[in-house]
Structure formats: C-alpha cells, structure tokens
C-alpha atoms as a PDB file:
ATOM      1  CA  MET A   1     -45.673  17.833  19.286  1.00  0.00           C
ATOM      2  CA  LEU A   2     -44.557  19.328  15.958  1.00  0.00           C
ATOM      3  CA  GLU A   3     -41.177  20.265  17.473  1.00  0.00           C
ATOM      4  CA  THR A   4     -40.305  16.543  17.687  1.00  0.00           C
ATOM      5  CA  PHE A   5     -40.315  16.382  13.885  1.00  0.00           C
ATOM      6  CA  GLN A   6     -38.359  19.570  13.180  1.00  0.00           C
ATOM      7  CA  PRO A   7     -34.910  17.897  12.938  1.00  0.00           C
ATOM      8  CA  LEU A   8     -36.292  15.444  10.359  1.00  0.00           C
ATOM      9  CA  LEU A   9     -38.008  18.202   8.399  1.00  0.00           C
ATOM     10  CA  ARG A  10     -34.852  20.329   8.360  1.00  0.00           C
ATOM     11  CA  ALA A  11     -32.798  17.345   7.163  1.00  0.00           C
ATOM     12  CA  ALA A  12     -35.210  16.730   4.272  1.00  0.00           C
ATOM     13  CA  GLN A  13     -35.587  20.387   3.278  1.00  0.00           C
ATOM     14  CA  GLY A  14     -34.454  21.139  -0.277  1.00  0.00           C
ATOM     15  CA  LEU A  15     -33.355  17.553  -0.893  1.00  0.00           C
ATOM     16  CA  ASP A  16     -33.203  16.244  -4.472  1.00  0.00           C
ATOM     17  CA  LEU A  17     -35.131  12.947  -4.451  1.00  0.00           C
ATOM     18  CA  THR A  18     -34.157  11.978  -8.006  1.00  0.00           C
ATOM     19  CA  ASP A  19     -31.404   9.599  -6.850  1.00  0.00           C
ATOM     20  CA  PRO A  20     -32.594   7.800  -3.689  1.00  0.00           C
ATOM     21  CA  ALA A  21     -29.142   6.481  -2.706  1.00  0.00           C
ATOM     22  CA  SER A  22     -27.588   9.953  -2.909  1.00  0.00           C
ATOM     23  CA  ALA A  23     -30.552  11.466  -1.053  1.00  0.00           C
ATOM     24  CA  GLU A  24     -30.244   8.859   1.716  1.00  0.00           C
ATOM     25  CA  ALA A  25     -26.515   9.565   2.055  1.00  0.00           C
ATOM     26  CA  GLU A  26     -27.182  13.303   2.295  1.00  0.00           C
ATOM     27  CA  LEU A  27     -29.927  12.758   4.869  1.00  0.00           C
ATOM     28  CA  ALA A  28     -27.554  10.633   6.973  1.00  0.00           C
ATOM     29  CA  ARG A  29     -24.992  13.427   6.770  1.00  0.00           C
ATOM     30  CA  ARG A  30     -27.558  16.039   7.817  1.00  0.00           C
ATOM     31  CA  PHE A  31     -29.185  13.893  10.529  1.00  0.00           C
ATOM     32  CA  ASP A  32     -27.198  10.758  11.360  1.00  0.00           C
ATOM     33  CA  PRO A  33     -29.500   7.978  12.633  1.00  0.00           C
ATOM     34  CA  ARG A  34     -26.639   6.801  14.919  1.00  0.00           C
ATOM     35  CA  ALA A  35     -26.054  10.194  16.572  1.00  0.00           C
ATOM     36  CA  GLN A  36     -27.326  11.466  19.910  1.00  0.00           C
ATOM     37  CA  ALA A  37     -29.846  13.796  18.257  1.00  0.00           C
ATOM     38  CA  ALA A  38     -31.436  10.783  16.541  1.00  0.00           C
ATOM     39  CA  PHE A  39     -31.673   8.883  19.837  1.00  0.00           C
ATOM     40  CA  GLU A  40     -33.472  11.892  21.334  1.00  0.00           C
ATOM     41  CA  VAL A  41     -35.956  12.113  18.444  1.00  0.00           C
ATOM     42  CA  GLU A  42     -36.546   8.365  18.557  1.00  0.00           C
ATOM     43  CA  GLY A  43     -37.126   8.525  22.312  1.00  0.00           C
ATOM     44  CA  ALA A  44     -39.656  11.323  21.866  1.00  0.00           C
ATOM     45  CA  LEU A  45     -41.410   9.300  19.138  1.00  0.00           C
ATOM     46  CA  ARG A  46     -41.618   6.270  21.450  1.00  0.00           C
ATOM     47  CA  VAL A  47     -43.202   8.442  24.159  1.00  0.00           C
ATOM     48  CA  LEU A  48     -45.745   9.888  21.706  1.00  0.00           C
ATOM     49  CA  LEU A  49     -46.594   6.349  20.558  1.00  0.00           C
ATOM     50  CA  ALA A  50     -47.005   5.096  24.144  1.00  0.00           C
ATOM     51  CA  GLU A  51     -49.254   8.077  24.926  1.00  0.00           C
ATOM     52  CA  GLY A  52     -51.437   7.281  21.912  1.00  0.00           C
ATOM     53  CA  LYS A  53     -50.665  10.601  20.234  1.00  0.00           C
ATOM     54  CA  ILE A  54     -49.257   9.084  17.032  1.00  0.00           C
ATOM     55  CA  ALA A  55     -50.069   5.952  14.985  1.00  0.00           C
ATOM     56  CA  ASN A  56     -53.432   5.738  16.753  1.00  0.00           C
ATOM     57  CA  ARG A  57     -55.691   4.878  13.798  1.00  0.00           C
ATOM     58  CA  GLY A  58     -56.204   1.689  11.842  1.00  0.00           C
ATOM     59  CA  ALA A  59     -55.311  -1.834  12.891  1.00  0.00           C
ATOM     60  CA  PRO A  60     -52.254  -4.089  12.645  1.00  0.00           C
ATOM     61  CA  PRO A  61     -50.221  -4.599  10.579  1.00  0.00           C
ATOM     62  CA  VAL A  62     -50.559  -0.838   9.928  1.00  0.00           C
ATOM     63  CA  ARG A  63     -51.544   1.770  12.496  1.00  0.00           C
ATOM     64  CA  TRP A  64     -51.138   5.365  11.337  1.00  0.00           C
ATOM     65  CA  SER A  65     -51.766   9.022  12.057  1.00  0.00           C
ATOM     66  CA  ARG A  66     -51.505  12.343  10.269  1.00  0.00           C
ATOM     67  CA  VAL A  67     -49.421  14.687  12.403  1.00  0.00           C
ATOM     68  CA  ALA A  68     -49.581  17.700  10.090  1.00  0.00           C
ATOM     69  CA  LYS A  69     -50.592  18.738   6.606  1.00  0.00           C
ATOM     70  CA  ALA A  70     -47.976  20.300   4.363  1.00  0.00           C
ATOM     71  CA  GLY A  71     -47.462  23.982   5.060  1.00  0.00           C
ATOM     72  CA  PRO A  72     -44.905  26.616   6.037  1.00  0.00           C
ATOM     73  CA  GLU A  73     -44.489  25.248   9.581  1.00  0.00           C
ATOM     74  CA  THR A  74     -43.610  21.804   8.146  1.00  0.00           C
ATOM     75  CA  LEU A  75     -41.344  23.149   5.393  1.00  0.00           C
ATOM     76  CA  ASP A  76     -44.008  22.076   2.859  1.00  0.00           C
ATOM     77  CA  PHE A  77     -44.001  18.389   3.894  1.00  0.00           C
ATOM     78  CA  SER A  78     -46.955  16.529   5.335  1.00  0.00           C
ATOM     79  CA  ILE A  79     -46.064  14.343   8.319  1.00  0.00           C
ATOM     80  CA  ASP A  80     -47.577  10.916   8.831  1.00  0.00           C
ATOM     81  CA  VAL A  81     -46.441   8.319  11.371  1.00  0.00           C
ATOM     82  CA  VAL A  82     -47.026   4.613  10.821  1.00  0.00           C
ATOM     83  CA  HIS A  83     -46.526   1.706  13.223  1.00  0.00           C
ATOM     84  CA  MET A  84     -45.958  -1.346  10.988  1.00  0.00           C
ATOM     85  CA  ASP A  85     -45.089  -5.020  11.143  1.00  0.00           C
ATOM     86  CA  GLY A  86     -46.300  -6.099   7.689  1.00  0.00           C
ATOM     87  CA  PRO A  87     -47.451  -4.692   4.353  1.00  0.00           C
ATOM     88  CA  GLY A  88     -49.327  -1.433   3.929  1.00  0.00           C
ATOM     89  CA  PRO A  89     -51.485  -0.077   1.114  1.00  0.00           C
ATOM     90  CA  ARG A  90     -50.044   0.291  -2.386  1.00  0.00           C
ATOM     91  CA  HIS A  91     -49.485   3.925  -3.264  1.00  0.00           C
ATOM     92  CA  ARG A  92     -47.739   6.346  -5.621  1.00  0.00           C
ATOM     93  CA  HIS A  93     -45.481   9.283  -4.747  1.00  0.00           C
ATOM     94  CA  PRO A  94     -46.039  12.159  -7.197  1.00  0.00           C
ATOM     95  CA  GLN A  95     -43.283  14.216  -5.497  1.00  0.00           C
ATOM     96  CA  GLY A  96     -41.365  11.391  -3.819  1.00  0.00           C
ATOM     97  CA  GLU A  97     -41.277  10.226  -0.207  1.00  0.00           C
ATOM     98  CA  VAL A  98     -38.761  10.634   2.618  1.00  0.00           C
ATOM     99  CA  ASN A  99     -39.020   8.115   5.441  1.00  0.00           C
ATOM    100  CA  TYR A 100     -37.299   7.998   8.803  1.00  0.00           C
ATOM    101  CA  CYS A 101     -37.557   4.419  10.105  1.00  0.00           C
ATOM    102  CA  VAL A 102     -37.168   3.456  13.766  1.00  0.00           C
ATOM    103  CA  ALA A 103     -36.828  -0.182  14.864  1.00  0.00           C
ATOM    104  CA  LEU A 104     -39.142  -0.998  17.761  1.00  0.00           C
ATOM    105  CA  ASP A 105     -38.557  -4.744  18.052  1.00  0.00           C
ATOM    106  CA  GLY A 106     -36.838  -7.546  16.198  1.00  0.00           C
ATOM    107  CA  LYS A 107     -34.578  -6.721  13.247  1.00  0.00           C
ATOM    108  CA  PRO A 108     -37.040  -4.980  10.978  1.00  0.00           C
ATOM    109  CA  THR A 109     -36.514  -3.757   7.461  1.00  0.00           C
ATOM    110  CA  PHE A 110     -38.646  -1.336   5.462  1.00  0.00           C
ATOM    111  CA  ASP A 111     -38.859  -2.429   1.831  1.00  0.00           C
ATOM    112  CA  GLY A 112     -35.716  -4.447   2.497  1.00  0.00           C
ATOM    113  CA  LYS A 113     -33.769  -1.539   4.025  1.00  0.00           C
ATOM    114  CA  ALA A 114     -32.433  -1.214   7.567  1.00  0.00           C
ATOM    115  CA  PRO A 115     -33.729   1.419  10.016  1.00  0.00           C
ATOM    116  CA  GLY A 116     -32.743   4.987   9.230  1.00  0.00           C
ATOM    117  CA  TRP A 117     -33.515   7.005   6.113  1.00  0.00           C
ATOM    118  CA  VAL A 118     -35.357   5.508   3.122  1.00  0.00           C
ATOM    119  CA  VAL A 119     -36.134   7.641   0.069  1.00  0.00           C
ATOM    120  CA  LEU A 120     -38.459   6.907  -2.825  1.00  0.00           C
ATOM    121  CA  PRO A 121     -38.214   9.090  -5.946  1.00  0.00           C
ATOM    122  CA  ARG A 122     -40.928  11.060  -7.722  1.00  0.00           C
ATOM    123  CA  GLU A 123     -43.557   8.953  -9.481  1.00  0.00           C
ATOM    124  CA  SER A 124     -42.493   5.762  -7.685  1.00  0.00           C
ATOM    125  CA  THR A 125     -45.072   3.203  -6.591  1.00  0.00           C
ATOM    126  CA  HIS A 126     -44.764   0.537  -3.908  1.00  0.00           C
ATOM    127  CA  VAL A 127     -46.451  -1.601  -1.278  1.00  0.00           C
ATOM    128  CA  PRO A 128     -44.622  -0.415   1.854  1.00  0.00           C
ATOM    129  CA  THR A 129     -43.598  -3.500   3.790  1.00  0.00           C
ATOM    130  CA  VAL A 130     -41.958  -4.039   7.151  1.00  0.00           C
ATOM    131  CA  ALA A 131     -40.485  -7.503   7.706  1.00  0.00           C
ATOM    132  CA  GLY A 132     -38.536  -9.070  10.563  1.00  0.00           C
ATOM    133  CA  GLY A 133     -39.997  -6.984  13.377  1.00  0.00           C
ATOM    134  CA  THR A 134     -41.860  -3.756  14.033  1.00  0.00           C
ATOM    135  CA  MET A 135     -41.032  -0.222  12.928  1.00  0.00           C
ATOM    136  CA  LEU A 136     -42.252   3.263  13.560  1.00  0.00           C
ATOM    137  CA  ILE A 137     -41.948   5.197  10.306  1.00  0.00           C
ATOM    138  CA  VAL A 138     -42.175   8.951   9.873  1.00  0.00           C
ATOM    139  CA  TYR A 139     -43.387   9.643   6.331  1.00  0.00           C
ATOM    140  CA  LEU A 140     -42.501  13.072   4.974  1.00  0.00           C
ATOM    141  CA  LEU A 141     -44.391  13.761   1.765  1.00  0.00           C
ATOM    142  CA  PRO A 142     -43.373  16.796  -0.312  1.00  0.00           C
ATOM    143  CA  LYS A 143     -46.435  19.031  -0.687  1.00  0.00           C
ATOM    144  CA  GLY A 144     -48.390  16.264   1.043  1.00  0.00           C
ATOM    145  CA  GLU A 145     -48.849  14.434  -2.237  1.00  0.00           C
ATOM    146  CA  ILE A 146     -49.706  10.732  -2.188  1.00  0.00           C
ATOM    147  CA  GLU A 147     -52.065   8.629  -4.276  1.00  0.00           C
ATOM    148  CA  PHE A 148     -53.426   5.384  -2.863  1.00  0.00           C
ATOM    149  CA  LEU A 149     -53.922   2.660  -5.476  1.00  0.00           C
ATOM    150  CA  GLN A 150     -55.847  -0.591  -5.531  1.00  0.00           C
END
C-alpha cells in the first residue's frame, strides 16, 4: 500500500514550508493534481478507501487512519488519510503540514481551498474543515509531528 503514496512523498521531499503559497505552487509543479499521474493516485486511494484499508477509524464527519509513521521509507513524513465532510480536531503543526486533497463528492474545499495541494507552515494551528462536499485528504507530517489541542 505504501507505494500508492510514493509520488506524494517525493513531491513533498525537501520542500520549504515557510511560504505556503510558494510551497503549493512547487508541489503542483512536481505533482500536478490535473495530470494523469494524479488521476492514478486518486484512483488507487478510492480503491483503498472502498476496501476499508484507509480512513477506517473514527466516525463522521472525520474518519481517519495512520498509514505509516515517519521514517526512511516515507522520506521522514508520517502518512495519515482522513475522509472528511466537516470540521476535525484543532491541532498545531510544529514542522508544518502538507496535504493532498481529493474531492469525493460535491464541490468540497479544505480550509477554503480547492482540491489539490494545501500547505500549512511550521507552528501553524487550525481546525481542519471540509465544506461543500466530501474529501479524502492525505496528511504528510514532517517527522510525524502534530499536537492536538482542546
């Protein structure tokens, strides 16, 4: 299953997350969400979801799963996959967060952004929110660092 995520991991490798807009533009250059390779990854993610292999914990509006802890095989990112159609838990990103967002139904946005790449910088905090439909989101966390807040 880890091979499904390799194109996303390679795109995020070595990325400077200081300026989210620049990071998102670079990610789109490295792995264009409108290209054939993206359609193949998204198709594989849909199959894994249908088979119950990802986003198989929790309850709506947020179902989630941990695919892998950060390590050499994941280029030092942890991989989580979340199936969302509402708000999630408030959290902080000590090292930042790289998200690949896939629309499943409707016209969803993630924190107000369209499907594709969404980057949050180091030390940012948010309540991740999907509105207008349902998304499957691949969360890549540098060094696996995340802090859930109340």
